[in-house]
Structures are given as structure tokens and as C-alpha cells.
Amino acid sequence: MAKDTGYIHSSFWANIFKTAPDRMELEQSLLAIPPFQSLTKRELDMLFTIIHNRSYLAGEYIFYQGDPGIGLYIIREGEVKIERKDETGEAIQLAYLKKGDFLGELALVDGEKRSASALAVTDVRLAVIFKPDLDEFIEGYPKKGIKILQGISHIMAGRLRALNEEYFSQINKSKTKSESNYGT
């Protein structure tokens, strides 16, 4: 059993006094994500100038439902739960993410409020690209920015298609159930 030191643990100071990222590992993580897959090594080097590193302890919220959407988060280490509160205030889990996954990409496109909360399930290390930094990057390097935005659009389209299929499947199940109930 761990000895209680009486200290309050927080990621606050870790996020202020950041350690240098493992560049090779971060590069591999970025190249595994569609918005960044088409970038060259040189373009990735330019992108590294706007990437921020953040750490969160297990149980800490990364962002809350209703917060301003300010950036894209790439999970470098750890696990994150995405949850949304319903009208009664009960949290419903929407996704469970791990190393190599990313969240918050809609913020890079529309800058709207967060539609769900992100909670660190374990200690988490994240790479963050904030919207104002990306906007400035796109302004300075429009061709590279277009590649990133096309990648984000590709992800959003894939997620929308999957949601449409799930919705259609639910309608068919409901339809089949009501037809079988009607026939008896």
C-alpha cells in the first residue's frame, strides 16, 4: 500500500513546467492520424512549433461539456473517457480512447462549445494543437493547412457515415420489433 504523503497531486505544475516531448514517438503518433498522414517530414517539423504538451492525472477532466472548443488533443500515453450528461445530469459514456487516438477535432473546424466532457481514466500525456495556433499556421502555410483540414474533414465524414448506419440500423430494429408486435 502506498504511503500517504499528505501532498495534493495535480497536473497544474506539470503543465507549466513541461518536459521536452519524445519527438520520434510524437512524429509516429501524428503520422498515424489522418489529418497529418500526408505531411512530409519538413511539414511535420513546422507543425511541431505549434504543438503543446499537457499532462493530466487519473480522475482529472481535460475539458468539460460546454467549455469553449479550443483544440485537438492527441493521446500520447494513457486512457481517456468521453462522456456527455443527459437532461437529468447523468453521465453517459460515448467513447473510450487510448494511446494514438485523438479528440476535440471539431474545435479546429467550428470553434463551438464542447458537446461532451473528456476525463483522464489513467494518468495521461497529450499533445495539443490549439485552434488559434493552427489558424495562424494555415495562414502562413495554406497548402499544408489544407492537407490538415482535408484530413479532419475525412474523419468527420467517416464518423457521420458510421452514425448514419447506426441510426438506420436502430430504425430497422424498431420497425421489425413493431411489425412483430403488430402481427401477434
N, C-alpha and C. Protein backbone atom coordinates (compact mmCIF):
# COMPACT_ATOMS: atom_id res chain seq x y z
N MET A 1 0.85 -1.19 0.00
CA MET A 1 0.00 0.00 0.00
C MET A 1 0.89 1.25 0.00
N ALA A 2 0.51 2.22 -0.84
CA ALA A 2 1.31 3.44 -0.94
C ALA A 2 1.13 4.29 0.29
N LYS A 3 2.21 4.91 0.71
CA LYS A 3 2.20 5.78 1.89
C LYS A 3 1.60 7.13 1.49
N ASP A 4 0.66 7.61 2.28
CA ASP A 4 0.05 8.91 2.04
C ASP A 4 1.01 9.99 2.52
N THR A 5 1.48 10.80 1.58
CA THR A 5 2.44 11.85 1.91
C THR A 5 1.75 13.13 2.38
N GLY A 6 0.43 13.20 2.18
CA GLY A 6 -0.29 14.41 2.57
C GLY A 6 -0.26 15.47 1.49
N TYR A 7 0.45 15.23 0.39
CA TYR A 7 0.51 16.19 -0.70
C TYR A 7 -0.70 16.03 -1.60
N ILE A 8 -1.17 17.12 -2.12
CA ILE A 8 -2.25 17.09 -3.10
C ILE A 8 -1.61 16.96 -4.47
N HIS A 9 -2.05 15.95 -5.21
CA HIS A 9 -1.49 15.73 -6.54
C HIS A 9 -2.31 16.48 -7.58
N SER A 10 -1.61 17.16 -8.46
CA SER A 10 -2.26 17.94 -9.51
C SER A 10 -1.33 18.02 -10.71
N SER A 11 -1.93 18.13 -11.90
CA SER A 11 -1.11 18.27 -13.10
C SER A 11 -0.80 19.74 -13.40
N PHE A 12 -1.27 20.65 -12.56
CA PHE A 12 -1.10 22.07 -12.82
C PHE A 12 0.36 22.44 -13.08
N TRP A 13 1.26 22.09 -12.14
CA TRP A 13 2.66 22.47 -12.30
C TRP A 13 3.33 21.69 -13.42
N ALA A 14 2.91 20.46 -13.62
CA ALA A 14 3.48 19.66 -14.72
C ALA A 14 3.17 20.31 -16.07
N ASN A 15 2.01 20.96 -16.18
CA ASN A 15 1.64 21.61 -17.43
C ASN A 15 2.34 22.95 -17.61
N ILE A 16 2.77 23.54 -16.51
CA ILE A 16 3.53 24.80 -16.61
C ILE A 16 5.00 24.51 -16.90
N PHE A 17 5.58 23.57 -16.16
CA PHE A 17 6.98 23.21 -16.35
C PHE A 17 7.04 21.90 -17.13
N LYS A 18 6.80 22.02 -18.44
CA LYS A 18 6.69 20.85 -19.29
C LYS A 18 8.06 20.26 -19.61
N THR A 19 8.09 18.93 -19.74
CA THR A 19 9.31 18.29 -20.20
C THR A 19 9.27 18.22 -21.72
N ALA A 20 10.43 18.14 -22.33
CA ALA A 20 10.50 18.07 -23.79
C ALA A 20 9.88 16.75 -24.27
N PRO A 21 9.09 16.81 -25.34
CA PRO A 21 8.45 15.60 -25.83
C PRO A 21 9.44 14.67 -26.51
N ASP A 22 9.12 13.39 -26.54
CA ASP A 22 9.89 12.44 -27.32
C ASP A 22 9.47 12.64 -28.77
N ARG A 23 10.28 13.38 -29.50
CA ARG A 23 9.94 13.82 -30.85
C ARG A 23 9.63 12.67 -31.79
N MET A 24 10.42 11.60 -31.73
CA MET A 24 10.22 10.47 -32.62
C MET A 24 8.86 9.81 -32.38
N GLU A 25 8.54 9.62 -31.10
CA GLU A 25 7.26 8.99 -30.74
C GLU A 25 6.09 9.89 -31.15
N LEU A 26 6.21 11.19 -30.95
CA LEU A 26 5.16 12.12 -31.34
C LEU A 26 4.99 12.13 -32.86
N GLU A 27 6.08 12.10 -33.58
CA GLU A 27 6.01 12.07 -35.04
C GLU A 27 5.26 10.83 -35.51
N GLN A 28 5.56 9.68 -34.93
CA GLN A 28 4.86 8.45 -35.29
C GLN A 28 3.37 8.55 -34.97
N SER A 29 3.05 9.15 -33.83
CA SER A 29 1.64 9.33 -33.45
C SER A 29 0.92 10.22 -34.46
N LEU A 30 1.55 11.31 -34.85
CA LEU A 30 0.93 12.22 -35.82
C LEU A 30 0.72 11.55 -37.17
N LEU A 31 1.71 10.80 -37.62
CA LEU A 31 1.61 10.15 -38.93
C LEU A 31 0.57 9.03 -38.95
N ALA A 32 0.13 8.59 -37.79
CA ALA A 32 -0.90 7.55 -37.71
C ALA A 32 -2.31 8.15 -37.74
N ILE A 33 -2.40 9.47 -37.68
CA ILE A 33 -3.69 10.15 -37.63
C ILE A 33 -3.96 10.80 -38.99
N PRO A 34 -5.13 10.52 -39.58
CA PRO A 34 -5.44 11.01 -40.93
C PRO A 34 -5.14 12.48 -41.23
N PRO A 35 -5.42 13.44 -40.34
CA PRO A 35 -5.13 14.83 -40.72
C PRO A 35 -3.65 15.11 -41.01
N PHE A 36 -2.77 14.26 -40.48
CA PHE A 36 -1.34 14.53 -40.60
C PHE A 36 -0.58 13.52 -41.47
N GLN A 37 -1.28 12.49 -41.96
CA GLN A 37 -0.63 11.42 -42.70
C GLN A 37 0.04 11.88 -43.99
N SER A 38 -0.51 12.90 -44.62
CA SER A 38 0.04 13.33 -45.91
C SER A 38 1.14 14.39 -45.77
N LEU A 39 1.49 14.76 -44.54
CA LEU A 39 2.53 15.76 -44.34
C LEU A 39 3.92 15.15 -44.48
N THR A 40 4.81 15.91 -45.06
CA THR A 40 6.20 15.48 -45.20
C THR A 40 6.93 15.71 -43.88
N LYS A 41 8.13 15.20 -43.78
CA LYS A 41 8.95 15.39 -42.57
C LYS A 41 9.15 16.89 -42.31
N ARG A 42 9.43 17.63 -43.36
CA ARG A 42 9.64 19.08 -43.23
C ARG A 42 8.37 19.78 -42.74
N GLU A 43 7.22 19.38 -43.27
CA GLU A 43 5.95 19.97 -42.85
C GLU A 43 5.64 19.61 -41.39
N LEU A 44 5.96 18.38 -41.01
CA LEU A 44 5.79 17.98 -39.61
C LEU A 44 6.67 18.81 -38.69
N ASP A 45 7.90 19.08 -39.14
CA ASP A 45 8.80 19.92 -38.34
C ASP A 45 8.19 21.30 -38.10
N MET A 46 7.53 21.84 -39.11
CA MET A 46 6.87 23.14 -38.97
C MET A 46 5.70 23.02 -37.98
N LEU A 47 4.97 21.91 -38.06
CA LEU A 47 3.83 21.70 -37.19
C LEU A 47 4.27 21.56 -35.72
N PHE A 48 5.43 20.98 -35.49
CA PHE A 48 5.93 20.80 -34.12
C PHE A 48 6.04 22.13 -33.38
N THR A 49 6.18 23.23 -34.12
CA THR A 49 6.33 24.53 -33.46
C THR A 49 5.04 24.99 -32.77
N ILE A 50 3.89 24.39 -33.14
CA ILE A 50 2.62 24.80 -32.53
C ILE A 50 2.01 23.72 -31.63
N ILE A 51 2.74 22.64 -31.40
CA ILE A 51 2.23 21.57 -30.55
C ILE A 51 2.64 21.82 -29.10
N HIS A 52 1.66 21.71 -28.22
CA HIS A 52 1.87 21.89 -26.78
C HIS A 52 1.68 20.54 -26.10
N ASN A 53 2.41 20.31 -25.03
CA ASN A 53 2.30 19.06 -24.29
C ASN A 53 1.60 19.33 -22.97
N ARG A 54 0.67 18.44 -22.63
CA ARG A 54 -0.09 18.57 -21.39
C ARG A 54 -0.15 17.21 -20.71
N SER A 55 -0.25 17.23 -19.39
CA SER A 55 -0.38 16.01 -18.59
C SER A 55 -1.57 16.17 -17.65
N TYR A 56 -2.29 15.07 -17.45
CA TYR A 56 -3.42 15.05 -16.54
C TYR A 56 -3.34 13.79 -15.69
N LEU A 57 -3.73 13.91 -14.44
CA LEU A 57 -3.75 12.76 -13.55
C LEU A 57 -5.07 12.02 -13.69
N ALA A 58 -5.05 10.74 -13.36
CA ALA A 58 -6.28 9.94 -13.39
C ALA A 58 -7.36 10.65 -12.58
N GLY A 59 -8.54 10.76 -13.17
CA GLY A 59 -9.66 11.42 -12.50
C GLY A 59 -9.81 12.90 -12.82
N GLU A 60 -8.82 13.49 -13.47
CA GLU A 60 -8.90 14.92 -13.85
C GLU A 60 -9.64 15.08 -15.17
N TYR A 61 -10.42 16.15 -15.25
CA TYR A 61 -11.09 16.47 -16.51
C TYR A 61 -10.13 17.24 -17.42
N ILE A 62 -10.10 16.85 -18.66
CA ILE A 62 -9.29 17.54 -19.67
C ILE A 62 -10.07 18.75 -20.16
N PHE A 63 -11.36 18.52 -20.40
CA PHE A 63 -12.30 19.61 -20.67
C PHE A 63 -13.70 19.14 -20.30
N TYR A 64 -14.59 20.11 -20.12
CA TYR A 64 -15.96 19.84 -19.71
C TYR A 64 -16.93 20.13 -20.84
N GLN A 65 -18.04 19.41 -20.84
CA GLN A 65 -19.13 19.69 -21.75
C GLN A 65 -19.53 21.15 -21.55
N GLY A 66 -19.63 21.90 -22.65
CA GLY A 66 -20.00 23.31 -22.56
C GLY A 66 -18.81 24.26 -22.58
N ASP A 67 -17.59 23.73 -22.35
CA ASP A 67 -16.39 24.58 -22.44
C ASP A 67 -16.19 25.03 -23.89
N PRO A 68 -15.49 26.13 -24.09
CA PRO A 68 -15.15 26.53 -25.46
C PRO A 68 -14.25 25.44 -26.09
N GLY A 69 -14.51 25.14 -27.36
CA GLY A 69 -13.68 24.17 -28.08
C GLY A 69 -12.43 24.88 -28.58
N ILE A 70 -11.29 24.60 -27.96
CA ILE A 70 -10.09 25.37 -28.29
C ILE A 70 -8.97 24.55 -28.92
N GLY A 71 -9.14 23.23 -29.04
CA GLY A 71 -8.03 22.49 -29.62
C GLY A 71 -8.27 21.02 -29.83
N LEU A 72 -7.33 20.42 -30.54
CA LEU A 72 -7.28 18.99 -30.83
C LEU A 72 -6.29 18.35 -29.87
N TYR A 73 -6.68 17.23 -29.26
CA TYR A 73 -5.84 16.53 -28.30
C TYR A 73 -5.47 15.16 -28.86
N ILE A 74 -4.19 14.85 -28.83
CA ILE A 74 -3.69 13.55 -29.30
C ILE A 74 -3.16 12.82 -28.07
N ILE A 75 -3.68 11.61 -27.83
CA ILE A 75 -3.28 10.86 -26.64
C ILE A 75 -1.94 10.19 -26.90
N ARG A 76 -0.94 10.61 -26.16
CA ARG A 76 0.41 10.04 -26.29
C ARG A 76 0.61 8.90 -25.31
N GLU A 77 -0.11 8.96 -24.20
CA GLU A 77 0.00 7.93 -23.17
C GLU A 77 -1.25 8.00 -22.30
N GLY A 78 -1.81 6.85 -21.95
CA GLY A 78 -2.94 6.81 -21.05
C GLY A 78 -4.27 6.56 -21.74
N GLU A 79 -5.34 6.71 -20.96
CA GLU A 79 -6.69 6.43 -21.44
C GLU A 79 -7.63 7.56 -21.03
N VAL A 80 -8.56 7.88 -21.93
CA VAL A 80 -9.49 8.98 -21.73
C VAL A 80 -10.91 8.50 -22.02
N LYS A 81 -11.83 8.93 -21.19
CA LYS A 81 -13.24 8.61 -21.38
C LYS A 81 -13.97 9.88 -21.83
N ILE A 82 -14.80 9.74 -22.86
CA ILE A 82 -15.63 10.84 -23.33
C ILE A 82 -17.04 10.57 -22.83
N GLU A 83 -17.61 11.55 -22.14
CA GLU A 83 -18.95 11.37 -21.61
C GLU A 83 -19.77 12.63 -21.80
N ARG A 84 -21.08 12.42 -21.86
CA ARG A 84 -22.00 13.54 -22.03
C ARG A 84 -23.12 13.39 -21.01
N LYS A 85 -23.48 14.49 -20.40
CA LYS A 85 -24.57 14.45 -19.43
C LYS A 85 -25.90 14.61 -20.16
N ASP A 86 -26.87 13.78 -19.77
CA ASP A 86 -28.20 13.90 -20.35
C ASP A 86 -28.99 14.97 -19.61
N GLU A 87 -30.26 15.11 -19.94
CA GLU A 87 -31.06 16.18 -19.33
C GLU A 87 -31.28 16.00 -17.84
N THR A 88 -31.07 14.78 -17.31
CA THR A 88 -31.20 14.55 -15.87
C THR A 88 -29.88 14.78 -15.14
N GLY A 89 -28.80 14.99 -15.89
CA GLY A 89 -27.49 15.19 -15.29
C GLY A 89 -26.67 13.92 -15.19
N GLU A 90 -27.22 12.79 -15.66
CA GLU A 90 -26.49 11.53 -15.62
C GLU A 90 -25.47 11.48 -16.76
N ALA A 91 -24.24 11.07 -16.44
CA ALA A 91 -23.17 10.98 -17.44
C ALA A 91 -23.31 9.69 -18.23
N ILE A 92 -23.29 9.80 -19.54
CA ILE A 92 -23.36 8.66 -20.44
C ILE A 92 -22.04 8.58 -21.20
N GLN A 93 -21.38 7.43 -21.12
CA GLN A 93 -20.10 7.27 -21.80
C GLN A 93 -20.34 7.14 -23.31
N LEU A 94 -19.62 7.96 -24.07
CA LEU A 94 -19.73 7.94 -25.53
C LEU A 94 -18.56 7.21 -26.17
N ALA A 95 -17.39 7.31 -25.56
CA ALA A 95 -16.20 6.70 -26.15
C ALA A 95 -15.15 6.46 -25.08
N TYR A 96 -14.26 5.53 -25.38
CA TYR A 96 -13.13 5.22 -24.51
C TYR A 96 -11.91 5.23 -25.43
N LEU A 97 -10.99 6.15 -25.18
CA LEU A 97 -9.86 6.37 -26.07
C LEU A 97 -8.55 6.02 -25.39
N LYS A 98 -7.55 5.64 -26.21
CA LYS A 98 -6.24 5.26 -25.67
C LYS A 98 -5.13 5.83 -26.56
N LYS A 99 -3.90 5.47 -26.23
CA LYS A 99 -2.73 5.98 -26.95
C LYS A 99 -2.94 5.89 -28.47
N GLY A 100 -2.66 7.00 -29.14
CA GLY A 100 -2.79 7.06 -30.59
C GLY A 100 -4.13 7.62 -31.04
N ASP A 101 -5.13 7.64 -30.16
CA ASP A 101 -6.42 8.23 -30.50
C ASP A 101 -6.36 9.74 -30.31
N PHE A 102 -7.36 10.41 -30.82
CA PHE A 102 -7.41 11.86 -30.67
C PHE A 102 -8.84 12.29 -30.41
N LEU A 103 -8.98 13.49 -29.87
CA LEU A 103 -10.29 14.02 -29.54
C LEU A 103 -10.28 15.52 -29.70
N GLY A 104 -11.48 16.09 -29.83
CA GLY A 104 -11.61 17.54 -29.90
C GLY A 104 -11.39 18.13 -31.28
N GLU A 105 -11.37 17.27 -32.32
CA GLU A 105 -11.07 17.77 -33.66
C GLU A 105 -12.10 18.75 -34.19
N LEU A 106 -13.34 18.66 -33.73
CA LEU A 106 -14.37 19.60 -34.21
C LEU A 106 -14.01 21.04 -33.85
N ALA A 107 -13.30 21.22 -32.75
CA ALA A 107 -12.91 22.57 -32.32
C ALA A 107 -12.02 23.25 -33.37
N LEU A 108 -11.27 22.46 -34.12
CA LEU A 108 -10.40 23.04 -35.13
C LEU A 108 -11.20 23.54 -36.33
N VAL A 109 -12.41 23.05 -36.47
CA VAL A 109 -13.24 23.42 -37.61
C VAL A 109 -14.23 24.51 -37.25
N ASP A 110 -14.99 24.31 -36.15
CA ASP A 110 -16.06 25.26 -35.87
C ASP A 110 -15.87 26.13 -34.63
N GLY A 111 -14.99 25.76 -33.72
CA GLY A 111 -14.75 26.57 -32.53
C GLY A 111 -15.95 26.66 -31.59
N GLU A 112 -16.92 25.77 -31.75
CA GLU A 112 -18.11 25.77 -30.90
C GLU A 112 -17.79 25.20 -29.52
N LYS A 113 -18.77 25.25 -28.62
CA LYS A 113 -18.60 24.70 -27.28
C LYS A 113 -18.50 23.18 -27.35
N ARG A 114 -17.81 22.60 -26.37
CA ARG A 114 -17.65 21.15 -26.28
C ARG A 114 -19.00 20.48 -26.08
N SER A 115 -19.26 19.44 -26.88
CA SER A 115 -20.53 18.72 -26.79
C SER A 115 -20.47 17.61 -25.75
N ALA A 116 -19.29 17.35 -25.21
CA ALA A 116 -19.10 16.30 -24.21
C ALA A 116 -17.88 16.65 -23.36
N SER A 117 -17.70 15.89 -22.28
CA SER A 117 -16.54 16.08 -21.40
C SER A 117 -15.51 14.99 -21.68
N ALA A 118 -14.24 15.29 -21.41
CA ALA A 118 -13.16 14.32 -21.53
C ALA A 118 -12.52 14.16 -20.17
N LEU A 119 -12.45 12.93 -19.68
CA LEU A 119 -11.94 12.62 -18.36
C LEU A 119 -10.76 11.66 -18.46
N ALA A 120 -9.66 11.99 -17.81
CA ALA A 120 -8.50 11.10 -17.78
C ALA A 120 -8.85 9.90 -16.89
N VAL A 121 -8.85 8.71 -17.47
CA VAL A 121 -9.14 7.49 -16.72
C VAL A 121 -7.87 7.04 -15.99
N THR A 122 -6.73 7.17 -16.68
CA THR A 122 -5.43 6.91 -16.10
C THR A 122 -4.63 8.21 -16.21
N ASP A 123 -3.42 8.25 -15.69
CA ASP A 123 -2.56 9.40 -15.96
C ASP A 123 -2.40 9.49 -17.47
N VAL A 124 -2.47 10.71 -18.00
CA VAL A 124 -2.49 10.91 -19.44
C VAL A 124 -1.47 11.96 -19.85
N ARG A 125 -0.79 11.69 -20.97
CA ARG A 125 0.06 12.69 -21.63
C ARG A 125 -0.56 12.98 -22.98
N LEU A 126 -0.73 14.27 -23.28
CA LEU A 126 -1.38 14.69 -24.51
C LEU A 126 -0.51 15.66 -25.29
N ALA A 127 -0.64 15.60 -26.61
CA ALA A 127 -0.11 16.64 -27.48
C ALA A 127 -1.33 17.45 -27.90
N VAL A 128 -1.23 18.77 -27.82
CA VAL A 128 -2.38 19.63 -28.10
C VAL A 128 -2.04 20.62 -29.19
N ILE A 129 -2.98 20.77 -30.12
CA ILE A 129 -2.87 21.82 -31.14
C ILE A 129 -4.06 22.74 -30.91
N PHE A 130 -3.77 23.96 -30.47
CA PHE A 130 -4.83 24.91 -30.19
C PHE A 130 -5.28 25.59 -31.48
N LYS A 131 -6.58 25.87 -31.59
CA LYS A 131 -7.17 26.45 -32.79
C LYS A 131 -6.49 27.75 -33.24
N PRO A 132 -6.23 28.71 -32.34
CA PRO A 132 -5.57 29.94 -32.80
C PRO A 132 -4.20 29.66 -33.43
N ASP A 133 -3.44 28.71 -32.86
CA ASP A 133 -2.14 28.35 -33.43
C ASP A 133 -2.29 27.72 -34.80
N LEU A 134 -3.28 26.81 -34.93
CA LEU A 134 -3.50 26.17 -36.23
C LEU A 134 -3.96 27.19 -37.27
N ASP A 135 -4.84 28.11 -36.86
CA ASP A 135 -5.31 29.14 -37.79
C ASP A 135 -4.13 29.97 -38.31
N GLU A 136 -3.21 30.32 -37.42
CA GLU A 136 -2.02 31.08 -37.81
C GLU A 136 -1.12 30.24 -38.72
N PHE A 137 -0.98 28.95 -38.40
CA PHE A 137 -0.19 28.03 -39.22
C PHE A 137 -0.78 27.95 -40.63
N ILE A 138 -2.10 27.82 -40.73
CA ILE A 138 -2.78 27.72 -42.03
C ILE A 138 -2.60 29.00 -42.82
N GLU A 139 -2.67 30.13 -42.14
CA GLU A 139 -2.48 31.42 -42.82
C GLU A 139 -1.06 31.52 -43.39
N GLY A 140 -0.08 31.04 -42.64
CA GLY A 140 1.31 31.10 -43.09
C GLY A 140 1.67 30.02 -44.09
N TYR A 141 1.02 28.86 -43.99
CA TYR A 141 1.32 27.73 -44.87
C TYR A 141 0.00 27.13 -45.38
N PRO A 142 -0.68 27.85 -46.29
CA PRO A 142 -2.02 27.43 -46.71
C PRO A 142 -2.09 26.02 -47.31
N LYS A 143 -1.10 25.62 -48.08
CA LYS A 143 -1.14 24.28 -48.69
C LYS A 143 -1.07 23.19 -47.63
N LYS A 144 -0.24 23.40 -46.64
CA LYS A 144 -0.12 22.42 -45.56
C LYS A 144 -1.40 22.42 -44.71
N GLY A 145 -1.94 23.60 -44.47
CA GLY A 145 -3.18 23.72 -43.70
C GLY A 145 -4.34 23.03 -44.39
N ILE A 146 -4.40 23.14 -45.70
CA ILE A 146 -5.46 22.47 -46.46
C ILE A 146 -5.34 20.96 -46.27
N LYS A 147 -4.13 20.43 -46.29
CA LYS A 147 -3.93 18.98 -46.08
C LYS A 147 -4.49 18.56 -44.72
N ILE A 148 -4.21 19.35 -43.70
CA ILE A 148 -4.68 19.03 -42.35
C ILE A 148 -6.21 19.11 -42.29
N LEU A 149 -6.79 20.18 -42.84
CA LEU A 149 -8.24 20.33 -42.81
C LEU A 149 -8.94 19.25 -43.64
N GLN A 150 -8.32 18.83 -44.75
CA GLN A 150 -8.89 17.73 -45.53
C GLN A 150 -8.89 16.44 -44.71
N GLY A 151 -7.83 16.21 -43.96
CA GLY A 151 -7.76 15.03 -43.10
C GLY A 151 -8.83 15.06 -42.02
N ILE A 152 -9.05 16.22 -41.41
CA ILE A 152 -10.10 16.36 -40.39
C ILE A 152 -11.47 16.14 -41.03
N SER A 153 -11.69 16.70 -42.22
CA SER A 153 -12.95 16.51 -42.93
C SER A 153 -13.20 15.04 -43.24
N HIS A 154 -12.15 14.33 -43.61
CA HIS A 154 -12.25 12.90 -43.92
C HIS A 154 -12.70 12.13 -42.67
N ILE A 155 -12.14 12.47 -41.52
CA ILE A 155 -12.52 11.82 -40.26
C ILE A 155 -13.98 12.12 -39.94
N MET A 156 -14.36 13.38 -40.04
CA MET A 156 -15.73 13.77 -39.71
C MET A 156 -16.73 13.07 -40.64
N ALA A 157 -16.39 12.96 -41.92
CA ALA A 157 -17.28 12.28 -42.87
C ALA A 157 -17.41 10.80 -42.50
N GLY A 158 -16.32 10.16 -42.13
CA GLY A 158 -16.36 8.75 -41.73
C GLY A 158 -17.20 8.55 -40.49
N ARG A 159 -17.06 9.44 -39.52
CA ARG A 159 -17.85 9.32 -38.29
C ARG A 159 -19.33 9.58 -38.57
N LEU A 160 -19.64 10.52 -39.45
CA LEU A 160 -21.02 10.79 -39.81
C LEU A 160 -21.64 9.59 -40.53
N ARG A 161 -20.88 8.98 -41.43
CA ARG A 161 -21.38 7.79 -42.13
C ARG A 161 -21.67 6.66 -41.13
N ALA A 162 -20.76 6.44 -40.19
CA ALA A 162 -20.96 5.40 -39.18
C ALA A 162 -22.19 5.70 -38.33
N LEU A 163 -22.38 6.96 -37.97
CA LEU A 163 -23.55 7.36 -37.19
C LEU A 163 -24.83 7.15 -37.99
N ASN A 164 -24.81 7.48 -39.28
CA ASN A 164 -25.97 7.25 -40.15
C ASN A 164 -26.31 5.76 -40.21
N GLU A 165 -25.29 4.92 -40.34
CA GLU A 165 -25.52 3.46 -40.39
C GLU A 165 -26.11 2.96 -39.08
N GLU A 166 -25.59 3.45 -37.97
CA GLU A 166 -26.11 3.05 -36.66
C GLU A 166 -27.56 3.50 -36.50
N TYR A 167 -27.86 4.71 -36.92
CA TYR A 167 -29.22 5.25 -36.85
C TYR A 167 -30.16 4.41 -37.71
N PHE A 168 -29.74 4.12 -38.93
CA PHE A 168 -30.54 3.31 -39.85
C PHE A 168 -30.78 1.93 -39.27
N SER A 169 -29.77 1.34 -38.65
CA SER A 169 -29.89 0.02 -38.03
C SER A 169 -30.90 0.06 -36.88
N GLN A 170 -30.86 1.12 -36.07
CA GLN A 170 -31.81 1.27 -34.96
C GLN A 170 -33.24 1.41 -35.47
N ILE A 171 -33.42 2.15 -36.56
CA ILE A 171 -34.75 2.32 -37.15
C ILE A 171 -35.27 0.97 -37.63
N ASN A 172 -34.41 0.19 -38.30
CA ASN A 172 -34.81 -1.12 -38.79
C ASN A 172 -35.17 -2.06 -37.65
N LYS A 173 -34.40 -2.03 -36.56
CA LYS A 173 -34.71 -2.87 -35.40
C LYS A 173 -36.06 -2.48 -34.81
N SER A 174 -36.28 -1.19 -34.68
CA SER A 174 -37.53 -0.69 -34.13
C SER A 174 -38.71 -1.07 -35.03
N LYS A 175 -38.50 -0.94 -36.33
CA LYS A 175 -39.53 -1.27 -37.32
C LYS A 175 -39.87 -2.76 -37.26
N THR A 176 -38.85 -3.60 -37.21
CA THR A 176 -39.03 -5.05 -37.16
C THR A 176 -39.75 -5.44 -35.87
N LYS A 177 -39.37 -4.83 -34.76
CA LYS A 177 -39.99 -5.12 -33.47
C LYS A 177 -41.47 -4.73 -33.48
N SER A 178 -41.78 -3.56 -34.00
CA SER A 178 -43.18 -3.11 -34.02
C SER A 178 -44.02 -3.95 -34.98
N GLU A 179 -43.44 -4.41 -36.09
CA GLU A 179 -44.15 -5.28 -37.01
C GLU A 179 -44.43 -6.64 -36.37
N SER A 180 -43.48 -7.17 -35.60
CA SER A 180 -43.69 -8.46 -34.96
C SER A 180 -44.71 -8.33 -33.82
N ASN A 181 -44.72 -7.19 -33.13
CA ASN A 181 -45.72 -6.97 -32.09
C ASN A 181 -47.12 -6.77 -32.67
N TYR A 182 -47.19 -6.17 -33.84
CA TYR A 182 -48.46 -5.89 -34.50
C TYR A 182 -49.10 -7.18 -35.01
N GLY A 183 -48.24 -8.10 -35.44
CA GLY A 183 -48.73 -9.35 -36.01
C GLY A 183 -49.22 -10.34 -34.98
N THR A 184 -48.95 -10.12 -33.68
CA THR A 184 -49.37 -11.09 -32.65
C THR A 184 -50.62 -10.67 -31.94
